[in-house]
């Protein structure tokens, strides 16, 4: 499953310059993708085991592969196939902007 996500960073509290450093952007994208995947995989497993239901409408992609509705119904996605399916999650992060904080703030002027 490919999950494309577009992110706009509004500020960077760590003051790391991601906007001007492509290497750091790549590290950040990978970290965000990994964090999202770590949350999605258990969610998918929970829908299979606990809820016994598929809320993502993935069956819509499979239906056209069958010649008839009867064949599809006999295949029984919800009960025979989804609970035993192997689903690979691939989150693809694209950073579309860096908001208004483009340069370091003067830390002496910023107070909590």
PDB file of N, CA and C in Angstrom:
ATOM      1  N   UNK A   1       0.840  -1.155   0.000  1.00  0.00           N
ATOM      2  CA  UNK A   1       0.000   0.000   0.000  1.00  0.00           C
ATOM      3  C   UNK A   1       0.895   1.231   0.000  1.00  0.00           C
ATOM      4  N   UNK A   2       0.720   2.081  -0.971  1.00  0.00           N
ATOM      5  CA  UNK A   2       1.453   3.342  -1.014  1.00  0.00           C
ATOM      6  C   UNK A   2       0.612   4.429  -0.362  1.00  0.00           C
ATOM      7  N   UNK A   3       1.249   5.180   0.519  1.00  0.00           N
ATOM      8  CA  UNK A   3       0.568   6.266   1.216  1.00  0.00           C
ATOM      9  C   UNK A   3       1.346   7.558   0.950  1.00  0.00           C
ATOM     10  N   UNK A   4       0.907   8.335  -0.044  1.00  0.00           N
ATOM     11  CA  UNK A   4       1.597   9.606  -0.301  1.00  0.00           C
ATOM     12  C   UNK A   4       1.117  10.683   0.679  1.00  0.00           C
ATOM     13  N   UNK A   5       2.077  11.365   1.292  1.00  0.00           N
ATOM     14  CA  UNK A   5       1.750  12.410   2.263  1.00  0.00           C
ATOM     15  C   UNK A   5       2.554  13.660   1.925  1.00  0.00           C
ATOM     16  N   UNK A   6       1.857  14.787   1.870  1.00  0.00           N
ATOM     17  CA  UNK A   6       2.515  16.075   1.671  1.00  0.00           C
ATOM     18  C   UNK A   6       2.522  16.820   2.995  1.00  0.00           C
ATOM     19  N   UNK A   7       3.678  17.347   3.348  1.00  0.00           N
ATOM     20  CA  UNK A   7       3.843  18.023   4.638  1.00  0.00           C
ATOM     21  C   UNK A   7       4.411  19.420   4.410  1.00  0.00           C
ATOM     22  N   UNK A   8       3.860  20.384   5.144  1.00  0.00           N
ATOM     23  CA  UNK A   8       4.438  21.726   5.171  1.00  0.00           C
ATOM     24  C   UNK A   8       4.884  21.992   6.597  1.00  0.00           C
ATOM     25  N   UNK A   9       6.164  22.215   6.774  1.00  0.00           N
ATOM     26  CA  UNK A   9       6.702  22.513   8.098  1.00  0.00           C
ATOM     27  C   UNK A   9       6.488  23.993   8.381  1.00  0.00           C
ATOM     28  N   UNK A  10       5.771  24.272   9.449  1.00  0.00           N
ATOM     29  CA  UNK A  10       5.485  25.668   9.789  1.00  0.00           C
ATOM     30  C   UNK A  10       6.588  26.291  10.614  1.00  0.00           C
ATOM     31  N   UNK A  11       7.233  25.476  11.446  1.00  0.00           N
ATOM     32  CA  UNK A  11       8.362  25.963  12.225  1.00  0.00           C
ATOM     33  C   UNK A  11       9.204  24.764  12.629  1.00  0.00           C
ATOM     34  N   UNK A  12      10.424  25.050  13.014  1.00  0.00           N
ATOM     35  CA  UNK A  12      11.353  24.008  13.428  1.00  0.00           C
ATOM     36  C   UNK A  12      11.910  24.424  14.786  1.00  0.00           C
ATOM     37  N   UNK A  13      11.319  23.909  15.885  1.00  0.00           N
ATOM     38  CA  UNK A  13      11.777  24.299  17.217  1.00  0.00           C
ATOM     39  C   UNK A  13      13.246  23.967  17.476  1.00  0.00           C
ATOM     40  N   UNK A  14      13.774  22.939  16.816  1.00  0.00           N
ATOM     41  CA  UNK A  14      15.172  22.560  17.032  1.00  0.00           C
ATOM     42  C   UNK A  14      16.136  23.521  16.349  1.00  0.00           C
ATOM     43  N   UNK A  15      15.596  24.390  15.487  1.00  0.00           N
ATOM     44  CA  UNK A  15      16.386  25.372  14.731  1.00  0.00           C
ATOM     45  C   UNK A  15      17.337  24.726  13.715  1.00  0.00           C
ATOM     46  N   UNK A  16      17.093  23.482  13.358  1.00  0.00           N
ATOM     47  CA  UNK A  16      17.886  22.818  12.317  1.00  0.00           C
ATOM     48  C   UNK A  16      17.427  23.353  10.973  1.00  0.00           C
ATOM     49  N   UNK A  17      18.365  23.697  10.115  1.00  0.00           N
ATOM     50  CA  UNK A  17      18.056  24.272   8.804  1.00  0.00           C
ATOM     51  C   UNK A  17      17.754  23.159   7.806  1.00  0.00           C
ATOM     52  N   UNK A  18      16.483  22.731   7.749  1.00  0.00           N
ATOM     53  CA  UNK A  18      16.082  21.714   6.773  1.00  0.00           C
ATOM     54  C   UNK A  18      15.883  22.320   5.389  1.00  0.00           C
ATOM     55  N   UNK A  19      15.455  23.570   5.336  1.00  0.00           N
ATOM     56  CA  UNK A  19      15.155  24.206   4.056  1.00  0.00           C
ATOM     57  C   UNK A  19      16.384  24.288   3.159  1.00  0.00           C
ATOM     58  N   UNK A  20      17.528  24.516   3.732  1.00  0.00           N
ATOM     59  CA  UNK A  20      18.729  24.694   2.932  1.00  0.00           C
ATOM     60  C   UNK A  20      19.635  23.476   2.849  1.00  0.00           C
ATOM     61  N   UNK A  21      19.196  22.329   3.367  1.00  0.00           N
ATOM     62  CA  UNK A  21      20.071  21.151   3.419  1.00  0.00           C
ATOM     63  C   UNK A  21      19.307  19.917   2.947  1.00  0.00           C
ATOM     64  N   UNK A  22      19.534  19.503   1.710  1.00  0.00           N
ATOM     65  CA  UNK A  22      18.819  18.370   1.127  1.00  0.00           C
ATOM     66  C   UNK A  22      19.094  17.060   1.862  1.00  0.00           C
ATOM     67  N   UNK A  23      20.296  16.903   2.395  1.00  0.00           N
ATOM     68  CA  UNK A  23      20.626  15.689   3.137  1.00  0.00           C
ATOM     69  C   UNK A  23      19.767  15.585   4.404  1.00  0.00           C
ATOM     70  N   UNK A  24      19.635  16.698   5.102  1.00  0.00           N
ATOM     71  CA  UNK A  24      18.796  16.720   6.309  1.00  0.00           C
ATOM     72  C   UNK A  24      17.322  16.530   5.953  1.00  0.00           C
ATOM     73  N   UNK A  25      16.887  17.071   4.819  1.00  0.00           N
ATOM     74  CA  UNK A  25      15.505  16.876   4.377  1.00  0.00           C
ATOM     75  C   UNK A  25      15.220  15.393   4.160  1.00  0.00           C
ATOM     76  N   UNK A  26      16.149  14.696   3.555  1.00  0.00           N
ATOM     77  CA  UNK A  26      15.979  13.262   3.303  1.00  0.00           C
ATOM     78  C   UNK A  26      15.884  12.493   4.621  1.00  0.00           C
ATOM     79  N   UNK A  27      16.735  12.840   5.576  1.00  0.00           N
ATOM     80  CA  UNK A  27      16.698  12.198   6.900  1.00  0.00           C
ATOM     81  C   UNK A  27      15.340  12.458   7.561  1.00  0.00           C
ATOM     82  N   UNK A  28      14.869  13.696   7.492  1.00  0.00           N
ATOM     83  CA  UNK A  28      13.584  14.057   8.088  1.00  0.00           C
ATOM     84  C   UNK A  28      12.432  13.308   7.430  1.00  0.00           C
ATOM     85  N   UNK A  29      12.419  13.252   6.091  1.00  0.00           N
ATOM     86  CA  UNK A  29      11.370  12.532   5.372  1.00  0.00           C
ATOM     87  C   UNK A  29      11.343  11.063   5.778  1.00  0.00           C
ATOM     88  N   UNK A  30      12.510  10.438   5.840  1.00  0.00           N
ATOM     89  CA  UNK A  30      12.577   9.026   6.227  1.00  0.00           C
ATOM     90  C   UNK A  30      12.083   8.819   7.652  1.00  0.00           C
ATOM     91  N   UNK A  31      12.438   9.716   8.553  1.00  0.00           N
ATOM     92  CA  UNK A  31      12.006   9.591   9.941  1.00  0.00           C
ATOM     93  C   UNK A  31      10.485   9.706  10.037  1.00  0.00           C
ATOM     94  N   UNK A  32       9.916  10.692   9.351  1.00  0.00           N
ATOM     95  CA  UNK A  32       8.456  10.881   9.383  1.00  0.00           C
ATOM     96  C   UNK A  32       7.759   9.652   8.798  1.00  0.00           C
ATOM     97  N   UNK A  33       8.254   9.162   7.661  1.00  0.00           N
ATOM     98  CA  UNK A  33       7.653   7.985   7.021  1.00  0.00           C
ATOM     99  C   UNK A  33       7.705   6.781   7.956  1.00  0.00           C
ATOM    100  N   UNK A  34       8.834   6.563   8.609  1.00  0.00           N
ATOM    101  CA  UNK A  34       8.968   5.423   9.525  1.00  0.00           C
ATOM    102  C   UNK A  34       8.020   5.541  10.712  1.00  0.00           C
ATOM    103  N   UNK A  35       7.874   6.742  11.253  1.00  0.00           N
ATOM    104  CA  UNK A  35       6.974   6.942  12.390  1.00  0.00           C
ATOM    105  C   UNK A  35       5.520   6.661  11.996  1.00  0.00           C
ATOM    106  N   UNK A  36       5.123   7.108  10.823  1.00  0.00           N
ATOM    107  CA  UNK A  36       3.747   6.873  10.367  1.00  0.00           C
ATOM    108  C   UNK A  36       3.531   5.381  10.112  1.00  0.00           C
ATOM    109  N   UNK A  37       4.499   4.734   9.479  1.00  0.00           N
ATOM    110  CA  UNK A  37       4.383   3.296   9.220  1.00  0.00           C
ATOM    111  C   UNK A  37       4.272   2.507  10.524  1.00  0.00           C
ATOM    112  N   UNK A  38       5.025   2.921  11.552  1.00  0.00           N
ATOM    113  CA  UNK A  38       4.964   2.231  12.853  1.00  0.00           C
ATOM    114  C   UNK A  38       3.567   2.306  13.465  1.00  0.00           C
ATOM    115  N   UNK A  39       2.814   3.328  13.137  1.00  0.00           N
ATOM    116  CA  UNK A  39       1.445   3.466  13.643  1.00  0.00           C
ATOM    117  C   UNK A  39       0.433   2.748  12.746  1.00  0.00           C
ATOM    118  N   UNK A  40       0.682   2.742  11.446  1.00  0.00           N
ATOM    119  CA  UNK A  40      -0.274   2.167  10.506  1.00  0.00           C
ATOM    120  C   UNK A  40      -0.314   0.639  10.553  1.00  0.00           C
ATOM    121  N   UNK A  41       0.836   0.009  10.682  1.00  0.00           N
ATOM    122  CA  UNK A  41       0.886  -1.457  10.663  1.00  0.00           C
ATOM    123  C   UNK A  41       0.058  -2.047  11.806  1.00  0.00           C
ATOM    124  N   UNK A  42       0.221  -1.579  13.054  1.00  0.00           N
ATOM    125  CA  UNK A  42      -0.634  -2.116  14.119  1.00  0.00           C
ATOM    126  C   UNK A  42      -2.125  -1.814  13.913  1.00  0.00           C
ATOM    127  N   UNK A  43      -2.437  -0.664  13.318  1.00  0.00           N
ATOM    128  CA  UNK A  43      -3.834  -0.342  13.041  1.00  0.00           C
ATOM    129  C   UNK A  43      -4.434  -1.352  12.066  1.00  0.00           C
ATOM    130  N   UNK A  44      -3.706  -1.655  11.005  1.00  0.00           N
ATOM    131  CA  UNK A  44      -4.190  -2.627  10.019  1.00  0.00           C
ATOM    132  C   UNK A  44      -4.387  -3.994  10.678  1.00  0.00           C
ATOM    133  N   UNK A  45      -3.431  -4.409  11.486  1.00  0.00           N
ATOM    134  CA  UNK A  45      -3.550  -5.698  12.175  1.00  0.00           C
ATOM    135  C   UNK A  45      -4.756  -5.709  13.118  1.00  0.00           C
ATOM    136  N   UNK A  46      -5.011  -4.590  13.764  1.00  0.00           N
ATOM    137  CA  UNK A  46      -6.156  -4.499  14.672  1.00  0.00           C
ATOM    138  C   UNK A  46      -7.469  -4.636  13.907  1.00  0.00           C
ATOM    139  N   UNK A  47      -7.545  -4.043  12.717  1.00  0.00           N
ATOM    140  CA  UNK A  47      -8.776  -4.176  11.926  1.00  0.00           C
ATOM    141  C   UNK A  47      -8.994  -5.624  11.508  1.00  0.00           C
ATOM    142  N   UNK A  48      -7.906  -6.354  11.282  1.00  0.00           N
ATOM    143  CA  UNK A  48      -8.027  -7.769  10.884  1.00  0.00           C
ATOM    144  C   UNK A  48      -8.466  -8.644  12.050  1.00  0.00           C
ATOM    145  N   UNK A  49      -7.820  -8.479  13.184  1.00  0.00           N
ATOM    146  CA  UNK A  49      -8.012  -9.405  14.306  1.00  0.00           C
ATOM    147  C   UNK A  49      -9.137  -8.994  15.255  1.00  0.00           C
ATOM    148  N   UNK A  50      -9.144  -7.744  15.657  1.00  0.00           N
ATOM    149  CA  UNK A  50     -10.116  -7.310  16.661  1.00  0.00           C
ATOM    150  C   UNK A  50     -11.449  -6.902  16.039  1.00  0.00           C
ATOM    151  N   UNK A  51     -11.383  -6.047  15.003  1.00  0.00           N
ATOM    152  CA  UNK A  51     -12.616  -5.542  14.409  1.00  0.00           C
ATOM    153  C   UNK A  51     -13.180  -6.469  13.340  1.00  0.00           C
ATOM    154  N   UNK A  52     -12.327  -7.333  12.783  1.00  0.00           N
ATOM    155  CA  UNK A  52     -12.722  -8.269  11.727  1.00  0.00           C
ATOM    156  C   UNK A  52     -13.459  -7.551  10.592  1.00  0.00           C
ATOM    157  N   UNK A  53     -12.880  -6.436  10.195  1.00  0.00           N
ATOM    158  CA  UNK A  53     -13.478  -5.618   9.148  1.00  0.00           C
ATOM    159  C   UNK A  53     -12.385  -4.815   8.460  1.00  0.00           C
ATOM    160  N   UNK A  54     -12.624  -4.496   7.203  1.00  0.00           N
ATOM    161  CA  UNK A  54     -11.655  -3.745   6.418  1.00  0.00           C
ATOM    162  C   UNK A  54     -12.237  -2.365   6.115  1.00  0.00           C
ATOM    163  N   UNK A  55     -11.789  -1.318   6.796  1.00  0.00           N
ATOM    164  CA  UNK A  55     -12.374   0.012   6.636  1.00  0.00           C
ATOM    165  C   UNK A  55     -11.743   0.864   5.537  1.00  0.00           C
ATOM    166  N   UNK A  56     -10.835   0.296   4.761  1.00  0.00           N
ATOM    167  CA  UNK A  56     -10.063   1.099   3.813  1.00  0.00           C
ATOM    168  C   UNK A  56     -10.569   1.024   2.372  1.00  0.00           C
ATOM    169  N   UNK A  57     -11.577   0.206   2.122  1.00  0.00           N
ATOM    170  CA  UNK A  57     -12.151   0.020   0.780  1.00  0.00           C
ATOM    171  C   UNK A  57     -11.153  -0.553  -0.217  1.00  0.00           C
ATOM    172  N   UNK A  58     -10.213  -1.368   0.258  1.00  0.00           N
ATOM    173  CA  UNK A  58      -9.261  -1.995  -0.647  1.00  0.00           C
ATOM    174  C   UNK A  58      -9.938  -2.992  -1.577  1.00  0.00           C
ATOM    175  N   UNK A  59     -11.087  -3.487  -1.172  1.00  0.00           N
ATOM    176  CA  UNK A  59     -11.806  -4.437  -2.028  1.00  0.00           C
ATOM    177  C   UNK A  59     -12.183  -3.812  -3.372  1.00  0.00           C
ATOM    178  N   UNK A  60     -12.304  -2.507  -3.429  1.00  0.00           N
ATOM    179  CA  UNK A  60     -12.638  -1.832  -4.691  1.00  0.00           C
ATOM    180  C   UNK A  60     -11.571  -2.054  -5.760  1.00  0.00           C
ATOM    181  N   UNK A  61     -10.326  -2.269  -5.335  1.00  0.00           N
ATOM    182  CA  UNK A  61      -9.244  -2.494  -6.287  1.00  0.00           C
ATOM    183  C   UNK A  61      -9.221  -3.932  -6.778  1.00  0.00           C
ATOM    184  N   UNK A  62      -9.835  -4.838  -6.020  1.00  0.00           N
ATOM    185  CA  UNK A  62      -9.823  -6.259  -6.350  1.00  0.00           C
ATOM    186  C   UNK A  62     -11.032  -6.654  -7.195  1.00  0.00           C
ATOM    187  N   UNK A  63     -12.143  -6.041  -6.965  1.00  0.00           N
ATOM    188  CA  UNK A  63     -13.388  -6.410  -7.651  1.00  0.00           C
ATOM    189  C   UNK A  63     -13.265  -6.492  -9.167  1.00  0.00           C
ATOM    190  N   UNK A  64     -12.605  -5.555  -9.826  1.00  0.00           N
ATOM    191  CA  UNK A  64     -12.527  -5.633 -11.294  1.00  0.00           C
ATOM    192  C   UNK A  64     -11.759  -6.867 -11.818  1.00  0.00           C
ATOM    193  N   UNK A  65     -11.035  -7.547 -10.942  1.00  0.00           N
ATOM    194  CA  UNK A  65     -10.275  -8.723 -11.375  1.00  0.00           C
ATOM    195  C   UNK A  65     -11.151  -9.963 -11.554  1.00  0.00           C
ATOM    196  N   UNK A  66     -12.396  -9.880 -11.133  1.00  0.00           N
ATOM    197  CA  UNK A  66     -13.321 -11.005 -11.232  1.00  0.00           C
ATOM    198  C   UNK A  66     -14.282 -10.804 -12.391  1.00  0.00           C
ATOM    199  N   UNK A  67     -14.676 -11.926 -13.018  1.00  0.00           N
ATOM    200  CA  UNK A  67     -15.579 -11.859 -14.170  1.00  0.00           C
ATOM    201  C   UNK A  67     -17.030 -11.623 -13.783  1.00  0.00           C
ATOM    202  N   UNK A  68     -17.370 -11.969 -12.556  1.00  0.00           N
ATOM    203  CA  UNK A  68     -18.760 -11.792 -12.135  1.00  0.00           C
ATOM    204  C   UNK A  68     -18.815 -11.442 -10.651  1.00  0.00           C
ATOM    205  N   UNK A  69     -19.959 -10.927 -10.264  1.00  0.00           N
ATOM    206  CA  UNK A  69     -20.182 -10.609  -8.853  1.00  0.00           C
ATOM    207  C   UNK A  69     -20.168 -11.893  -8.030  1.00  0.00           C
ATOM    208  N   UNK A  70     -20.724 -12.950  -8.587  1.00  0.00           N
ATOM    209  CA  UNK A  70     -20.766 -14.236  -7.883  1.00  0.00           C
ATOM    210  C   UNK A  70     -19.352 -14.728  -7.557  1.00  0.00           C
ATOM    211  N   UNK A  71     -18.446 -14.647  -8.534  1.00  0.00           N
ATOM    212  CA  UNK A  71     -17.047 -15.052  -8.302  1.00  0.00           C
ATOM    213  C   UNK A  71     -16.425 -14.229  -7.177  1.00  0.00           C
ATOM    214  N   UNK A  72     -16.667 -12.934  -7.219  1.00  0.00           N
ATOM    215  CA  UNK A  72     -16.120 -12.059  -6.177  1.00  0.00           C
ATOM    216  C   UNK A  72     -16.685 -12.428  -4.807  1.00  0.00           C
ATOM    217  N   UNK A  73     -17.969 -12.642  -4.733  1.00  0.00           N
ATOM    218  CA  UNK A  73     -18.604 -12.993  -3.458  1.00  0.00           C
ATOM    219  C   UNK A  73     -18.092 -14.327  -2.924  1.00  0.00           C
ATOM    220  N   UNK A  74     -17.849 -15.293  -3.807  1.00  0.00           N
ATOM    221  CA  UNK A  74     -17.301 -16.586  -3.381  1.00  0.00           C
ATOM    222  C   UNK A  74     -15.867 -16.448  -2.877  1.00  0.00           C
ATOM    223  N   UNK A  75     -15.145 -15.510  -3.436  1.00  0.00           N
ATOM    224  CA  UNK A  75     -13.770 -15.256  -2.995  1.00  0.00           C
ATOM    225  C   UNK A  75     -13.768 -14.745  -1.553  1.00  0.00           C
ATOM    226  N   UNK A  76     -14.772 -14.005  -1.174  1.00  0.00           N
ATOM    227  CA  UNK A  76     -15.045 -13.554   0.200  1.00  0.00           C
ATOM    228  C   UNK A  76     -13.870 -12.792   0.823  1.00  0.00           C
ATOM    229  N   UNK A  77     -13.666 -11.607   0.321  1.00  0.00           N
ATOM    230  CA  UNK A  77     -12.578 -10.737   0.792  1.00  0.00           C
ATOM    231  C   UNK A  77     -12.610 -10.530   2.297  1.00  0.00           C
ATOM    232  N   UNK A  78     -13.760 -10.172   2.830  1.00  0.00           N
ATOM    233  CA  UNK A  78     -13.857  -9.790   4.243  1.00  0.00           C
ATOM    234  C   UNK A  78     -13.553 -10.931   5.206  1.00  0.00           C
ATOM    235  N   UNK A  79     -13.968 -12.146   4.881  1.00  0.00           N
ATOM    236  CA  UNK A  79     -13.834 -13.258   5.824  1.00  0.00           C
ATOM    237  C   UNK A  79     -12.704 -14.231   5.508  1.00  0.00           C
ATOM    238  N   UNK A  80     -12.456 -14.471   4.236  1.00  0.00           N
ATOM    239  CA  UNK A  80     -11.458 -15.483   3.870  1.00  0.00           C
ATOM    240  C   UNK A  80     -10.104 -14.905   3.487  1.00  0.00           C
ATOM    241  N   UNK A  81     -10.084 -13.686   3.044  1.00  0.00           N
ATOM    242  CA  UNK A  81      -8.838 -13.154   2.493  1.00  0.00           C
ATOM    243  C   UNK A  81      -8.227 -12.005   3.289  1.00  0.00           C
ATOM    244  N   UNK A  82      -8.998 -10.990   3.594  1.00  0.00           N
ATOM    245  CA  UNK A  82      -8.431  -9.843   4.309  1.00  0.00           C
ATOM    246  C   UNK A  82      -7.779 -10.222   5.633  1.00  0.00           C
ATOM    247  N   UNK A  83      -8.410 -11.039   6.468  1.00  0.00           N
ATOM    248  CA  UNK A  83      -7.785 -11.358   7.759  1.00  0.00           C
ATOM    249  C   UNK A  83      -6.429 -12.061   7.632  1.00  0.00           C
ATOM    250  N   UNK A  84      -6.152 -12.665   6.477  1.00  0.00           N
ATOM    251  CA  UNK A  84      -4.908 -13.417   6.284  1.00  0.00           C
ATOM    252  C   UNK A  84      -3.969 -12.752   5.275  1.00  0.00           C
ATOM    253  N   UNK A  85      -4.298 -11.566   4.865  1.00  0.00           N
ATOM    254  CA  UNK A  85      -3.500 -10.879   3.844  1.00  0.00           C
ATOM    255  C   UNK A  85      -2.213 -10.293   4.431  1.00  0.00           C
ATOM    256  N   UNK A  86      -1.214 -10.207   3.594  1.00  0.00           N
ATOM    257  CA  UNK A  86       0.036  -9.530   3.941  1.00  0.00           C
ATOM    258  C   UNK A  86       0.004  -8.159   3.269  1.00  0.00           C
ATOM    259  N   UNK A  87       0.041  -7.119   4.072  1.00  0.00           N
ATOM    260  CA  UNK A  87      -0.047  -5.769   3.527  1.00  0.00           C
ATOM    261  C   UNK A  87       1.226  -5.017   3.881  1.00  0.00           C
ATOM    262  N   UNK A  88       1.942  -4.621   2.857  1.00  0.00           N
ATOM    263  CA  UNK A  88       3.150  -3.827   3.041  1.00  0.00           C
ATOM    264  C   UNK A  88       2.767  -2.353   2.976  1.00  0.00           C
ATOM    265  N   UNK A  89       3.226  -1.599   3.945  1.00  0.00           N
ATOM    266  CA  UNK A  89       2.928  -0.169   4.008  1.00  0.00           C
ATOM    267  C   UNK A  89       4.162   0.606   3.558  1.00  0.00           C
ATOM    268  N   UNK A  90       3.969   1.492   2.598  1.00  0.00           N
ATOM    269  CA  UNK A  90       5.058   2.310   2.075  1.00  0.00           C
ATOM    270  C   UNK A  90       4.610   3.773   2.086  1.00  0.00           C
ATOM    271  N   UNK A  91       5.024   4.501   3.120  1.00  0.00           N
ATOM    272  CA  UNK A  91       4.672   5.914   3.243  1.00  0.00           C
ATOM    273  C   UNK A  91       5.692   6.733   2.458  1.00  0.00           C
ATOM    274  N   UNK A  92       5.186   7.593   1.595  1.00  0.00           N
ATOM    275  CA  UNK A  92       6.040   8.445   0.768  1.00  0.00           C
ATOM    276  C   UNK A  92       5.795   9.902   1.156  1.00  0.00           C
ATOM    277  N   UNK A  93       6.765  10.478   1.832  1.00  0.00           N
ATOM    278  CA  UNK A  93       6.635  11.847   2.347  1.00  0.00           C
ATOM    279  C   UNK A  93       7.250  12.834   1.366  1.00  0.00           C
ATOM    280  N   UNK A  94       6.504  13.888   1.106  1.00  0.00           N
ATOM    281  CA  UNK A  94       7.002  14.991   0.287  1.00  0.00           C
ATOM    282  C   UNK A  94       6.846  16.268   1.100  1.00  0.00           C
ATOM    283  N   UNK A  95       7.930  16.986   1.275  1.00  0.00           N
ATOM    284  CA  UNK A  95       7.870  18.262   1.997  1.00  0.00           C
ATOM    285  C   UNK A  95       7.593  19.349   0.956  1.00  0.00           C
ATOM    286  N   UNK A  96       6.444  20.003   1.099  1.00  0.00           N
ATOM    287  CA  UNK A  96       6.033  20.980   0.090  1.00  0.00           C
ATOM    288  C   UNK A  96       6.358  22.416   0.478  1.00  0.00           C
ATOM    289  N   UNK A  97       6.799  22.625   1.701  1.00  0.00           N
ATOM    290  CA  UNK A  97       7.145  23.978   2.106  1.00  0.00           C
ATOM    291  C   UNK A  97       7.679  24.024   3.518  1.00  0.00           C
ATOM    292  N   UNK A  98       8.288  25.122   3.829  1.00  0.00           N
ATOM    293  CA  UNK A  98       8.895  25.291   5.137  1.00  0.00           C
ATOM    294  C   UNK A  98       8.309  26.470   5.898  1.00  0.00           C
ATOM    295  N   UNK A  99       7.124  26.887   5.539  1.00  0.00           N
ATOM    296  CA  UNK A  99       6.441  27.936   6.291  1.00  0.00           C
ATOM    297  C   UNK A  99       7.180  29.249   6.305  1.00  0.00           C
ATOM    298  N   UNK A 100       6.963  30.003   7.369  1.00  0.00           N
ATOM    299  CA  UNK A 100       7.518  31.353   7.451  1.00  0.00           C
ATOM    300  C   UNK A 100       8.831  31.429   8.194  1.00  0.00           C
ATOM    301  N   UNK A 101       9.154  30.395   8.953  1.00  0.00           N
ATOM    302  CA  UNK A 101      10.396  30.437   9.724  1.00  0.00           C
ATOM    303  C   UNK A 101      11.534  29.905   8.847  1.00  0.00           C
ATOM    304  N   UNK A 102      12.131  30.763   8.093  1.00  0.00           N
ATOM    305  CA  UNK A 102      13.161  30.373   7.138  1.00  0.00           C
ATOM    306  C   UNK A 102      14.571  30.561   7.685  1.00  0.00           C
ATOM    307  N   UNK A 103      14.724  31.338   8.725  1.00  0.00           N
ATOM    308  CA  UNK A 103      16.054  31.538   9.291  1.00  0.00           C
ATOM    309  C   UNK A 103      15.961  31.453  10.808  1.00  0.00           C
ATOM    310  N   UNK A 104      17.069  31.290  11.419  1.00  0.00           N
ATOM    311  CA  UNK A 104      17.093  31.147  12.874  1.00  0.00           C
ATOM    312  C   UNK A 104      16.568  32.407  13.558  1.00  0.00           C
ATOM    313  N   UNK A 105      15.825  32.171  14.623  1.00  0.00           N
ATOM    314  CA  UNK A 105      15.348  33.287  15.433  1.00  0.00           C
ATOM    315  C   UNK A 105      16.476  33.746  16.344  1.00  0.00           C
ATOM    316  N   UNK A 106      16.360  34.955  16.794  1.00  0.00           N
ATOM    317  CA  UNK A 106      17.314  35.429  17.791  1.00  0.00           C
ATOM    318  C   UNK A 106      16.839  34.916  19.145  1.00  0.00           C
ATOM    319  N   UNK A 107      17.529  33.915  19.683  1.00  0.00           N
ATOM    320  CA  UNK A 107      17.081  33.215  20.876  1.00  0.00           C
ATOM    321  C   UNK A 107      16.968  34.138  22.093  1.00  0.00           C
ATOM    322  N   UNK A 108      17.756  35.218  22.143  1.00  0.00           N
ATOM    323  CA  UNK A 108      17.663  36.138  23.273  1.00  0.00           C
ATOM    324  C   UNK A 108      16.302  36.845  23.305  1.00  0.00           C
ATOM    325  N   UNK A 109      15.693  37.018  22.117  1.00  0.00           N
ATOM    326  CA  UNK A 109      14.417  37.731  22.031  1.00  0.00           C
ATOM    327  C   UNK A 109      13.219  36.794  22.237  1.00  0.00           C
ATOM    328  N   UNK A 110      13.457  35.496  22.164  1.00  0.00           N
ATOM    329  CA  UNK A 110      12.381  34.522  22.309  1.00  0.00           C
ATOM    330  C   UNK A 110      12.375  34.021  23.745  1.00  0.00           C
ATOM    331  N   UNK A 111      11.250  34.207  24.423  1.00  0.00           N
ATOM    332  CA  UNK A 111      11.148  33.765  25.810  1.00  0.00           C
ATOM    333  C   UNK A 111       9.900  32.904  25.950  1.00  0.00           C
ATOM    334  N   UNK A 112      10.022  31.855  26.794  1.00  0.00           N
ATOM    335  CA  UNK A 112       8.875  31.001  27.087  1.00  0.00           C
ATOM    336  C   UNK A 112       8.089  31.534  28.248  1.00  0.00           C
TER     337      UNK A 112
END
